[in-house]
């Protein structure tokens, strides 16, 4: 608004003064703003690792038995496919 509302030759100076005023007023307004401290999480580190669990793992793949397919011979007399 400062840039558009100012006549041509004084626009850079007016814009600089406006930015400085904006920065000063913002710093005064945000002066009392304090962020709360982050929550402290206590982590208790032990030097000894817990004993490993007593778990037995077996990997198996169970599939039903299937009979191999029986291929029937081509009917005689065999004729190759048509080239058309």
N, C-alpha and C. Protein backbone atom coordinates (compact mmCIF):
# COMPACT_ATOMS: atom_id res chain seq x y z
N UNK A 1 0.83 -1.17 0.00
CA UNK A 1 0.00 0.00 0.00
C UNK A 1 0.88 1.24 0.00
N UNK A 2 2.02 1.17 0.69
CA UNK A 2 2.92 2.32 0.70
C UNK A 2 3.47 2.56 -0.70
N UNK A 3 3.85 1.49 -1.38
CA UNK A 3 4.43 1.62 -2.70
C UNK A 3 3.44 2.22 -3.70
N UNK A 4 2.21 1.76 -3.66
CA UNK A 4 1.21 2.25 -4.62
C UNK A 4 0.73 3.66 -4.25
N UNK A 5 0.66 3.98 -2.99
CA UNK A 5 0.13 5.28 -2.57
C UNK A 5 1.12 6.42 -2.63
N UNK A 6 2.37 6.14 -2.96
CA UNK A 6 3.40 7.18 -3.00
C UNK A 6 3.65 7.61 -4.43
N UNK A 7 3.88 8.92 -4.66
CA UNK A 7 4.22 9.36 -6.02
C UNK A 7 5.53 8.72 -6.51
N UNK A 8 5.73 8.66 -7.81
CA UNK A 8 6.83 7.97 -8.47
C UNK A 8 8.21 8.11 -7.88
N UNK A 9 8.78 9.33 -7.74
CA UNK A 9 10.19 9.44 -7.34
C UNK A 9 10.46 8.98 -5.89
N UNK A 10 9.48 9.02 -5.02
CA UNK A 10 9.73 8.69 -3.61
C UNK A 10 9.36 7.26 -3.24
N UNK A 11 9.00 6.45 -4.19
CA UNK A 11 8.53 5.08 -3.89
C UNK A 11 9.58 4.22 -3.19
N UNK A 12 10.83 4.15 -3.62
CA UNK A 12 11.80 3.30 -2.93
C UNK A 12 12.03 3.72 -1.48
N UNK A 13 12.10 5.03 -1.24
CA UNK A 13 12.33 5.53 0.12
C UNK A 13 11.12 5.23 0.99
N UNK A 14 9.92 5.47 0.48
CA UNK A 14 8.71 5.23 1.26
C UNK A 14 8.56 3.74 1.57
N UNK A 15 8.91 2.88 0.62
CA UNK A 15 8.82 1.45 0.85
C UNK A 15 9.81 1.02 1.93
N UNK A 16 11.04 1.54 1.90
CA UNK A 16 12.04 1.22 2.92
C UNK A 16 11.61 1.68 4.30
N UNK A 17 11.06 2.89 4.40
CA UNK A 17 10.59 3.39 5.69
C UNK A 17 9.42 2.55 6.19
N UNK A 18 8.54 2.15 5.29
CA UNK A 18 7.41 1.31 5.69
C UNK A 18 7.87 -0.05 6.20
N UNK A 19 8.86 -0.66 5.54
CA UNK A 19 9.38 -1.94 6.00
C UNK A 19 10.07 -1.82 7.36
N UNK A 20 10.81 -0.75 7.56
CA UNK A 20 11.46 -0.54 8.87
C UNK A 20 10.42 -0.35 9.96
N UNK A 21 9.37 0.39 9.69
CA UNK A 21 8.31 0.59 10.69
C UNK A 21 7.61 -0.73 10.98
N UNK A 22 7.36 -1.50 9.93
CA UNK A 22 6.72 -2.82 10.12
C UNK A 22 7.59 -3.72 10.99
N UNK A 23 8.90 -3.75 10.73
CA UNK A 23 9.82 -4.59 11.50
C UNK A 23 9.88 -4.13 12.95
N UNK A 24 9.91 -2.82 13.20
CA UNK A 24 9.99 -2.32 14.57
C UNK A 24 8.72 -2.65 15.34
N UNK A 25 7.55 -2.45 14.71
CA UNK A 25 6.30 -2.75 15.40
C UNK A 25 6.14 -4.25 15.63
N UNK A 26 6.60 -5.07 14.68
CA UNK A 26 6.51 -6.51 14.86
C UNK A 26 7.41 -6.98 15.99
N UNK A 27 8.61 -6.44 16.09
CA UNK A 27 9.51 -6.86 17.17
C UNK A 27 8.95 -6.43 18.53
N UNK A 28 8.31 -5.28 18.60
CA UNK A 28 7.70 -4.86 19.86
C UNK A 28 6.51 -5.76 20.20
N UNK A 29 5.74 -6.15 19.21
CA UNK A 29 4.56 -6.97 19.47
C UNK A 29 4.96 -8.38 19.87
N UNK A 30 6.03 -8.91 19.28
CA UNK A 30 6.44 -10.28 19.56
C UNK A 30 7.48 -10.38 20.67
N UNK A 31 7.77 -9.27 21.34
CA UNK A 31 8.79 -9.25 22.37
C UNK A 31 8.45 -10.15 23.54
N UNK A 32 7.20 -10.21 23.94
CA UNK A 32 6.80 -11.00 25.10
C UNK A 32 6.46 -12.44 24.75
N UNK A 33 6.56 -12.81 23.51
CA UNK A 33 6.21 -14.16 23.11
C UNK A 33 7.30 -15.13 23.52
N UNK A 34 6.94 -16.11 24.34
CA UNK A 34 7.89 -17.13 24.78
C UNK A 34 7.30 -18.49 24.46
N UNK A 35 8.09 -19.35 23.86
CA UNK A 35 7.63 -20.70 23.57
C UNK A 35 7.84 -21.57 24.80
N UNK A 36 6.89 -22.46 25.09
CA UNK A 36 7.07 -23.32 26.27
C UNK A 36 8.22 -24.30 26.03
N UNK A 37 8.89 -24.70 27.10
CA UNK A 37 9.99 -25.65 26.92
C UNK A 37 9.46 -26.99 26.46
N UNK A 38 10.28 -27.71 25.74
CA UNK A 38 9.89 -29.03 25.28
C UNK A 38 9.83 -30.00 26.45
N UNK A 39 8.97 -30.97 26.35
CA UNK A 39 8.83 -31.97 27.42
C UNK A 39 10.10 -32.81 27.47
N UNK A 40 10.57 -33.07 28.68
CA UNK A 40 11.77 -33.90 28.86
C UNK A 40 11.32 -35.33 29.06
N UNK A 41 11.86 -36.21 28.26
CA UNK A 41 11.52 -37.62 28.37
C UNK A 41 12.74 -38.34 28.93
N UNK A 42 12.55 -39.00 30.08
CA UNK A 42 13.65 -39.71 30.70
C UNK A 42 13.75 -41.10 30.10
N UNK A 43 14.92 -41.45 29.63
CA UNK A 43 15.16 -42.76 29.05
C UNK A 43 16.15 -43.48 29.94
N UNK A 44 15.74 -44.62 30.48
CA UNK A 44 16.61 -45.39 31.35
C UNK A 44 17.31 -46.45 30.50
N UNK A 45 18.63 -46.35 30.40
CA UNK A 45 19.40 -47.25 29.57
C UNK A 45 20.08 -48.28 30.46
N UNK A 46 19.83 -49.56 30.18
CA UNK A 46 20.47 -50.64 30.92
C UNK A 46 21.68 -51.12 30.13
N UNK A 47 22.70 -51.57 30.85
CA UNK A 47 23.90 -52.06 30.20
C UNK A 47 23.75 -53.50 29.72
N UNK A 48 22.83 -54.27 30.29
CA UNK A 48 22.67 -55.65 29.92
C UNK A 48 21.44 -55.80 29.01
N UNK A 49 21.63 -56.61 28.00
CA UNK A 49 20.50 -56.88 27.10
C UNK A 49 19.64 -57.96 27.72
N UNK A 50 18.36 -57.94 27.51
CA UNK A 50 17.50 -58.99 28.05
C UNK A 50 17.81 -60.31 27.35
N UNK A 51 17.53 -61.43 28.00
CA UNK A 51 17.82 -62.71 27.35
C UNK A 51 16.94 -62.89 26.12
N UNK A 52 17.47 -63.58 25.11
CA UNK A 52 16.68 -63.77 23.90
C UNK A 52 15.48 -64.68 24.19
N UNK A 53 14.37 -64.47 23.52
CA UNK A 53 13.20 -65.31 23.76
C UNK A 53 13.43 -66.73 23.26
N UNK A 54 12.79 -67.67 23.92
CA UNK A 54 12.92 -69.07 23.55
C UNK A 54 11.84 -69.40 22.52
N UNK A 55 12.15 -69.14 21.27
CA UNK A 55 11.20 -69.33 20.20
C UNK A 55 11.85 -70.21 19.14
N UNK A 56 11.12 -71.22 18.69
CA UNK A 56 11.61 -72.05 17.61
C UNK A 56 10.82 -71.72 16.36
N UNK A 57 11.54 -71.43 15.31
CA UNK A 57 10.90 -71.05 14.05
C UNK A 57 11.22 -72.11 13.01
N UNK A 58 10.18 -72.62 12.38
CA UNK A 58 10.34 -73.58 11.29
C UNK A 58 9.70 -72.99 10.06
N UNK A 59 10.41 -73.07 8.99
CA UNK A 59 9.85 -72.57 7.74
C UNK A 59 9.53 -73.75 6.85
N UNK A 60 8.28 -73.88 6.50
CA UNK A 60 7.82 -74.95 5.64
C UNK A 60 6.83 -74.39 4.64
N UNK A 61 6.83 -75.01 3.50
CA UNK A 61 5.81 -74.69 2.51
C UNK A 61 5.06 -75.98 2.24
N UNK A 62 3.80 -75.99 2.59
CA UNK A 62 2.99 -77.20 2.39
C UNK A 62 2.05 -76.96 1.23
N UNK A 63 2.19 -77.83 0.24
CA UNK A 63 1.33 -77.73 -0.93
C UNK A 63 0.74 -79.11 -1.18
N UNK A 64 -0.49 -79.17 -1.63
CA UNK A 64 -1.09 -80.48 -1.90
C UNK A 64 -0.39 -81.14 -3.08
N UNK A 65 -0.27 -82.45 -2.98
CA UNK A 65 0.35 -83.19 -4.08
C UNK A 65 -0.63 -83.29 -5.23
N UNK A 66 -0.13 -83.02 -6.40
CA UNK A 66 -0.97 -83.15 -7.59
C UNK A 66 -0.27 -84.09 -8.56
N UNK A 67 -1.04 -84.80 -9.27
CA UNK A 67 -0.50 -85.70 -10.28
C UNK A 67 -0.06 -84.87 -11.48
N UNK A 68 1.04 -85.25 -12.11
CA UNK A 68 1.46 -84.49 -13.29
C UNK A 68 0.42 -84.66 -14.40
N UNK A 69 0.22 -83.64 -15.20
CA UNK A 69 -0.78 -83.74 -16.26
C UNK A 69 -0.35 -84.78 -17.30
N UNK A 70 -1.31 -85.45 -17.80
CA UNK A 70 -1.02 -86.44 -18.83
C UNK A 70 -1.36 -85.82 -20.18
N UNK A 71 -0.34 -85.75 -21.00
CA UNK A 71 -0.53 -85.15 -22.30
C UNK A 71 -0.97 -86.22 -23.29
N UNK A 72 -2.00 -85.92 -23.99
CA UNK A 72 -2.50 -86.85 -24.99
C UNK A 72 -1.84 -86.55 -26.33
N UNK A 73 -1.54 -87.56 -27.10
CA UNK A 73 -0.92 -87.28 -28.41
C UNK A 73 -1.91 -86.59 -29.33
N UNK A 74 -1.35 -85.94 -30.32
CA UNK A 74 -2.21 -85.27 -31.30
C UNK A 74 -2.98 -86.34 -32.08
N UNK A 75 -4.18 -85.99 -32.48
CA UNK A 75 -4.92 -86.97 -33.29
C UNK A 75 -4.24 -87.17 -34.64
N UNK A 76 -4.28 -88.37 -35.07
CA UNK A 76 -3.65 -88.67 -36.35
C UNK A 76 -4.69 -88.57 -37.45
N UNK A 77 -4.43 -88.15 -38.58
CA UNK A 77 -3.19 -87.53 -39.04
C UNK A 77 -3.13 -86.08 -38.55
N UNK A 78 -1.96 -85.70 -38.06
CA UNK A 78 -1.77 -84.33 -37.55
C UNK A 78 -1.62 -83.37 -38.72
N UNK A 79 -2.35 -82.28 -38.65
CA UNK A 79 -2.26 -81.27 -39.70
C UNK A 79 -1.77 -79.97 -39.06
N UNK A 80 -0.75 -79.36 -39.61
CA UNK A 80 -0.25 -78.10 -39.03
C UNK A 80 -1.29 -77.00 -39.18
N UNK A 81 -1.19 -75.96 -38.39
CA UNK A 81 -2.17 -74.87 -38.50
C UNK A 81 -2.09 -74.20 -39.87
N UNK A 82 -3.17 -73.64 -40.28
CA UNK A 82 -3.26 -72.99 -41.57
C UNK A 82 -2.50 -71.68 -41.55
N UNK A 83 -1.76 -71.33 -42.61
CA UNK A 83 -1.03 -70.06 -42.62
C UNK A 83 -1.96 -68.86 -42.79
N UNK A 84 -3.22 -69.05 -43.03
CA UNK A 84 -4.15 -67.93 -43.22
C UNK A 84 -4.57 -67.41 -41.91
